[in-house]
Amino acid sequence: MEFLLFVISGVSFSFLAGNNFFSLEADPVPWLFYFLQIPQFITAHQWLGISLDIAIIVLFLLVIRRPFNNRLAIILFLLLLLFYVTLMGHLAHHNYQFGFCLVFFPFLFCNEQSKRFAFEATRYFMLFFYLSAAILKIYYGNFTDPAHLSNLISGQFTPYFLEGNTGLRTDVNLFLISHTAVSQFLFIASIILELVIIVGFFTKRYDKWIAILILLFHFCNWFMMDIAPFGQIGFVCLLFLSKELKLAIVK
């Protein structure tokens, strides 16, 4: 459903057709793909982009029926990694869509012990992902600047303001821009929320609450900053909420 929302909103292989601009930044992960001209070839042929979008949707439906078929998982993992690399190169910055790839990592293996280790490794990676975000915010001292979040929101929503966009989100953002103390409180609260996730390194007892906190963070981030968490929701639910699937993987 998350991927379909992507396609409907115009974020897919087919909608990138004809877009020749891309930026590789300093991250070496996508370099090989672009060196081999794979994303460039896909975006140069719309029929190929449409075919890949359809293939991904069909494979998603197949993997729902057969979630432990590692061949399907391998193909989807590679296609979604290619989608992530292509999209990030054209957006010129990283985003949450990497969750689309990693969510399949525990399913790549046939051996039960390998699946168990892969699942645990993915869970710890997710915990580190959010904890490191809090540590970096503290390291750079952004929380000491009362206007930090207000400035971020102002920059993020400038196009909406210029277009005369109105609504609840716009009203809330205008309030946060003009009330820096409230914005700073929310920013510090988000750091605390991400720091609390460190509990998951020591026990799985609170995984449900960790998932709720992460999803709360993402939806608040979407409401205030218009940064949609698509690509990450299913990832979080699998790792921290899906008890039946975890029991099937981690016997």
Protein backbone atom coordinates (compact mmCIF):
# COMPACT_ATOMS: atom_id res chain seq x y z
CA MET A 1 0.00 0.00 0.00
CA GLU A 2 2.90 2.34 0.73
CA PHE A 3 4.38 1.69 -2.70
CA LEU A 4 0.99 2.26 -4.37
CA LEU A 5 0.77 5.61 -2.56
CA PHE A 6 4.15 6.40 -4.06
CA VAL A 7 3.01 5.54 -7.56
CA ILE A 8 -0.26 7.49 -7.19
CA SER A 9 1.63 10.56 -5.92
CA GLY A 10 3.99 10.45 -8.89
CA VAL A 11 7.07 8.89 -7.29
CA SER A 12 8.07 5.80 -9.25
CA PHE A 13 10.31 4.60 -12.08
CA SER A 14 7.78 5.58 -14.74
CA PHE A 15 7.36 9.14 -13.45
CA LEU A 16 11.12 9.70 -13.54
CA ALA A 17 11.17 9.07 -17.29
CA GLY A 18 12.95 11.82 -19.20
CA ASN A 19 14.54 13.32 -16.08
CA ASN A 20 18.25 13.37 -16.90
CA PHE A 21 19.37 15.40 -13.89
CA PHE A 22 20.88 13.51 -10.97
CA SER A 23 23.39 14.12 -8.18
CA LEU A 24 25.52 11.40 -6.58
CA GLU A 25 26.69 13.45 -3.58
CA ALA A 26 29.41 11.91 -1.40
CA ASP A 27 27.62 8.63 -0.65
CA PRO A 28 29.46 5.85 -2.55
CA VAL A 29 26.51 3.39 -2.47
CA PRO A 30 24.84 4.60 -5.72
CA TRP A 31 28.07 5.22 -7.62
CA LEU A 32 28.26 1.72 -9.11
CA PHE A 33 24.66 1.88 -10.36
CA TYR A 34 25.22 5.19 -12.10
CA PHE A 35 28.66 4.15 -13.37
CA LEU A 36 26.96 1.17 -15.05
CA GLN A 37 24.35 3.58 -16.50
CA ILE A 38 21.44 1.56 -15.07
CA PRO A 39 19.32 4.45 -13.67
CA GLN A 40 20.08 6.55 -16.74
CA PHE A 41 18.91 3.75 -19.04
CA ILE A 42 15.68 3.27 -17.06
CA THR A 43 14.79 6.98 -17.04
CA ALA A 44 15.55 7.22 -20.75
CA HIS A 45 12.90 4.58 -21.59
CA GLN A 46 9.44 5.16 -20.13
CA TRP A 47 8.22 1.71 -21.17
CA LEU A 48 10.93 0.19 -18.97
CA GLY A 49 9.96 2.36 -16.01
CA ILE A 50 6.30 1.36 -16.36
CA SER A 51 7.30 -2.31 -16.66
CA LEU A 52 9.42 -2.13 -13.49
CA ASP A 53 6.61 -0.43 -11.55
CA ILE A 54 4.16 -3.16 -12.60
CA ALA A 55 6.71 -5.87 -11.80
CA ILE A 56 7.27 -4.51 -8.29
CA ILE A 57 3.52 -4.38 -7.58
CA VAL A 58 3.05 -7.96 -8.88
CA LEU A 59 6.00 -9.18 -6.82
CA PHE A 60 4.58 -7.48 -3.72
CA LEU A 61 1.32 -9.39 -4.22
CA LEU A 62 3.23 -12.65 -4.68
CA VAL A 63 5.35 -12.11 -1.59
CA ILE A 64 2.20 -11.45 0.47
CA ARG A 65 1.03 -14.94 -0.53
CA ARG A 66 4.48 -16.50 -0.04
CA PRO A 67 6.36 -14.32 2.47
CA PHE A 68 9.15 -16.83 3.08
CA ASN A 69 10.07 -17.40 -0.55
CA ASN A 70 13.59 -16.01 -0.50
CA ARG A 71 13.83 -15.84 -4.32
CA LEU A 72 10.94 -13.36 -4.43
CA ALA A 73 12.54 -11.42 -1.57
CA ILE A 74 15.89 -11.24 -3.36
CA ILE A 75 14.32 -9.91 -6.57
CA LEU A 76 12.24 -7.34 -4.68
CA PHE A 77 15.20 -6.30 -2.56
CA LEU A 78 17.30 -5.62 -5.67
CA LEU A 79 14.50 -3.81 -7.54
CA LEU A 80 13.67 -1.61 -4.54
CA LEU A 81 17.35 -0.89 -3.93
CA LEU A 82 17.56 0.23 -7.56
CA PHE A 83 14.42 2.32 -7.06
CA TYR A 84 15.93 3.92 -3.96
CA VAL A 85 19.24 4.70 -5.69
CA THR A 86 17.47 6.12 -8.75
CA LEU A 87 15.07 8.24 -6.70
CA MET A 88 17.71 9.57 -4.31
CA GLY A 89 19.96 10.51 -7.21
CA HIS A 90 17.16 12.57 -8.74
CA LEU A 91 16.01 14.09 -5.44
CA ALA A 92 19.66 14.87 -4.63
CA HIS A 93 19.19 13.86 -0.98
CA HIS A 94 18.48 10.76 1.09
CA ASN A 95 15.04 9.86 2.33
CA TYR A 96 13.10 7.20 4.21
CA GLN A 97 12.56 5.03 1.15
CA PHE A 98 15.56 2.92 2.14
CA GLY A 99 13.14 1.10 4.44
CA PHE A 100 11.61 -0.45 1.31
CA CYS A 101 14.90 -2.30 0.72
CA LEU A 102 15.86 -3.24 4.26
CA VAL A 103 12.43 -4.61 5.14
CA PHE A 104 13.26 -7.59 2.90
CA PHE A 105 16.70 -8.29 4.37
CA PRO A 106 15.52 -10.92 6.92
CA PHE A 107 13.68 -12.73 4.11
CA LEU A 108 16.71 -13.13 1.83
CA PHE A 109 17.94 -16.28 3.54
CA CYS A 110 16.76 -19.91 3.49
CA ASN A 111 18.57 -21.08 6.59
CA GLU A 112 16.54 -20.53 9.77
CA GLN A 113 19.53 -19.40 11.81
CA SER A 114 20.58 -16.95 9.09
CA LYS A 115 17.06 -15.51 8.99
CA ARG A 116 17.10 -15.11 12.77
CA PHE A 117 20.47 -13.32 12.74
CA ALA A 118 19.38 -11.12 9.81
CA PHE A 119 16.17 -10.16 11.60
CA GLU A 120 18.07 -9.25 14.76
CA ALA A 121 20.68 -7.29 12.80
CA THR A 122 17.95 -5.34 10.97
CA ARG A 123 16.20 -4.55 14.25
CA TYR A 124 19.41 -3.21 15.80
CA PHE A 125 20.14 -1.20 12.67
CA MET A 126 16.73 0.44 12.95
CA LEU A 127 17.34 1.30 16.61
CA PHE A 128 20.74 2.77 15.74
CA PHE A 129 19.16 4.74 12.87
CA TYR A 130 16.96 6.74 15.24
CA LEU A 131 19.32 6.89 18.20
CA SER A 132 22.13 8.27 16.04
CA ALA A 133 19.77 10.98 14.76
CA ALA A 134 19.27 12.18 18.35
CA ILE A 135 23.00 12.02 19.08
CA LEU A 136 23.82 14.10 16.00
CA LYS A 137 21.23 16.72 16.95
CA ILE A 138 22.83 16.98 20.38
CA TYR A 139 26.35 17.00 18.92
CA TYR A 140 25.60 19.91 16.59
CA GLY A 141 23.82 21.81 19.37
CA ASN A 142 20.75 22.69 17.32
CA PHE A 143 18.53 22.34 20.38
CA THR A 144 20.20 25.40 21.93
CA ASP A 145 18.93 27.64 19.12
CA PRO A 146 15.35 28.72 19.99
CA ALA A 147 14.59 29.52 16.35
CA HIS A 148 16.04 26.33 14.84
CA LEU A 149 12.80 24.43 14.21
CA SER A 150 10.93 27.64 13.32
CA ASN A 151 13.51 28.34 10.61
CA LEU A 152 13.30 24.78 9.31
CA ILE A 153 9.51 24.93 9.09
CA SER A 154 9.63 28.32 7.40
CA GLY A 155 12.03 27.03 4.74
CA GLN A 156 10.11 23.78 4.28
CA PHE A 157 6.72 25.47 3.80
CA THR A 158 7.80 28.51 1.78
CA PRO A 159 6.36 27.05 -1.48
CA TYR A 160 3.01 26.49 0.26
CA PHE A 161 2.97 30.04 1.57
CA LEU A 162 3.81 31.44 -1.88
CA GLU A 163 0.98 29.41 -3.41
CA GLY A 164 -1.46 30.82 -0.86
CA ASN A 165 -2.10 27.37 0.59
CA THR A 166 -4.50 27.43 3.53
CA GLY A 167 -5.62 24.83 6.03
CA LEU A 168 -4.90 23.41 9.45
CA ARG A 169 -1.27 22.51 8.74
CA THR A 170 -0.55 25.98 7.39
CA ASP A 171 -2.12 27.59 10.45
CA VAL A 172 -0.12 25.37 12.81
CA ASN A 173 3.11 26.09 10.95
CA LEU A 174 2.52 29.83 11.01
CA PHE A 175 1.96 29.54 14.77
CA LEU A 176 5.20 27.57 15.25
CA ILE A 177 7.17 30.01 13.10
CA SER A 178 6.03 32.95 15.20
CA HIS A 179 6.29 31.15 18.57
CA THR A 180 9.89 29.95 18.71
CA ALA A 181 9.63 28.77 22.34
CA VAL A 182 6.94 26.24 21.40
CA SER A 183 8.98 25.12 18.40
CA GLN A 184 12.08 24.66 20.53
CA PHE A 185 10.09 22.61 23.06
CA LEU A 186 8.83 20.31 20.29
CA PHE A 187 12.34 19.94 18.87
CA ILE A 188 13.76 18.97 22.28
CA ALA A 189 10.83 16.58 22.75
CA SER A 190 11.69 14.89 19.45
CA ILE A 191 15.29 14.41 20.61
CA ILE A 192 14.10 12.86 23.89
CA LEU A 193 11.74 10.59 21.94
CA GLU A 194 14.61 9.33 19.78
CA LEU A 195 16.87 8.88 22.82
CA VAL A 196 14.28 6.73 24.58
CA ILE A 197 14.69 4.20 21.77
CA ILE A 198 18.00 3.14 23.37
CA VAL A 199 15.86 0.90 25.63
CA GLY A 200 15.40 -1.43 22.66
CA PHE A 201 19.11 -2.34 22.74
CA PHE A 202 18.65 -4.01 26.12
CA THR A 203 15.16 -5.54 25.97
CA LYS A 204 12.36 -6.35 23.51
CA ARG A 205 9.70 -5.96 26.18
CA TYR A 206 8.87 -2.43 25.05
CA ASP A 207 9.04 -2.95 21.28
CA LYS A 208 5.36 -2.05 20.88
CA TRP A 209 5.90 1.29 22.61
CA ILE A 210 9.08 1.92 20.62
CA ALA A 211 7.07 1.41 17.41
CA ILE A 212 4.35 3.79 18.64
CA LEU A 213 6.97 6.44 19.47
CA ILE A 214 8.65 6.07 16.07
CA LEU A 215 5.35 6.29 14.19
CA LEU A 216 4.31 9.26 16.32
CA PHE A 217 7.60 10.96 15.44
CA HIS A 218 7.09 10.30 11.73
CA PHE A 219 3.49 11.49 11.56
CA CYS A 220 4.30 14.65 13.56
CA ASN A 221 7.24 15.19 11.22
CA TRP A 222 4.92 14.81 8.25
CA PHE A 223 2.33 17.18 9.74
CA MET A 224 4.85 19.91 10.60
CA MET A 225 7.58 19.42 7.98
CA ASP A 226 5.69 17.67 5.16
CA ILE A 227 8.24 14.83 5.19
CA ALA A 228 6.13 11.74 4.47
CA PRO A 229 7.33 8.52 6.15
CA PHE A 230 6.32 6.25 3.25
CA GLY A 231 8.86 3.48 2.96
CA GLN A 232 9.39 3.33 6.70
CA ILE A 233 5.95 2.53 8.15
CA GLY A 234 5.86 -1.12 7.07
CA PHE A 235 9.50 -1.50 8.10
CA VAL A 236 8.76 -0.32 11.65
CA CYS A 237 5.60 -2.42 11.93
CA LEU A 238 7.44 -5.57 10.82
CA LEU A 239 10.31 -5.16 13.26
CA PHE A 240 8.40 -4.06 16.34
CA LEU A 241 4.69 -4.90 15.96
CA SER A 242 4.25 -8.04 13.85
CA LYS A 243 4.45 -10.73 16.53
CA GLU A 244 3.22 -13.55 14.30
CA LEU A 245 5.74 -12.81 11.58
CA LYS A 246 8.57 -12.41 14.09
CA LEU A 247 7.71 -15.77 15.64
CA ALA A 248 7.71 -17.35 12.18
CA ILE A 249 11.12 -15.86 11.42
CA VAL A 250 12.71 -16.18 14.84
CA LYS A 251 11.78 -19.69 15.92
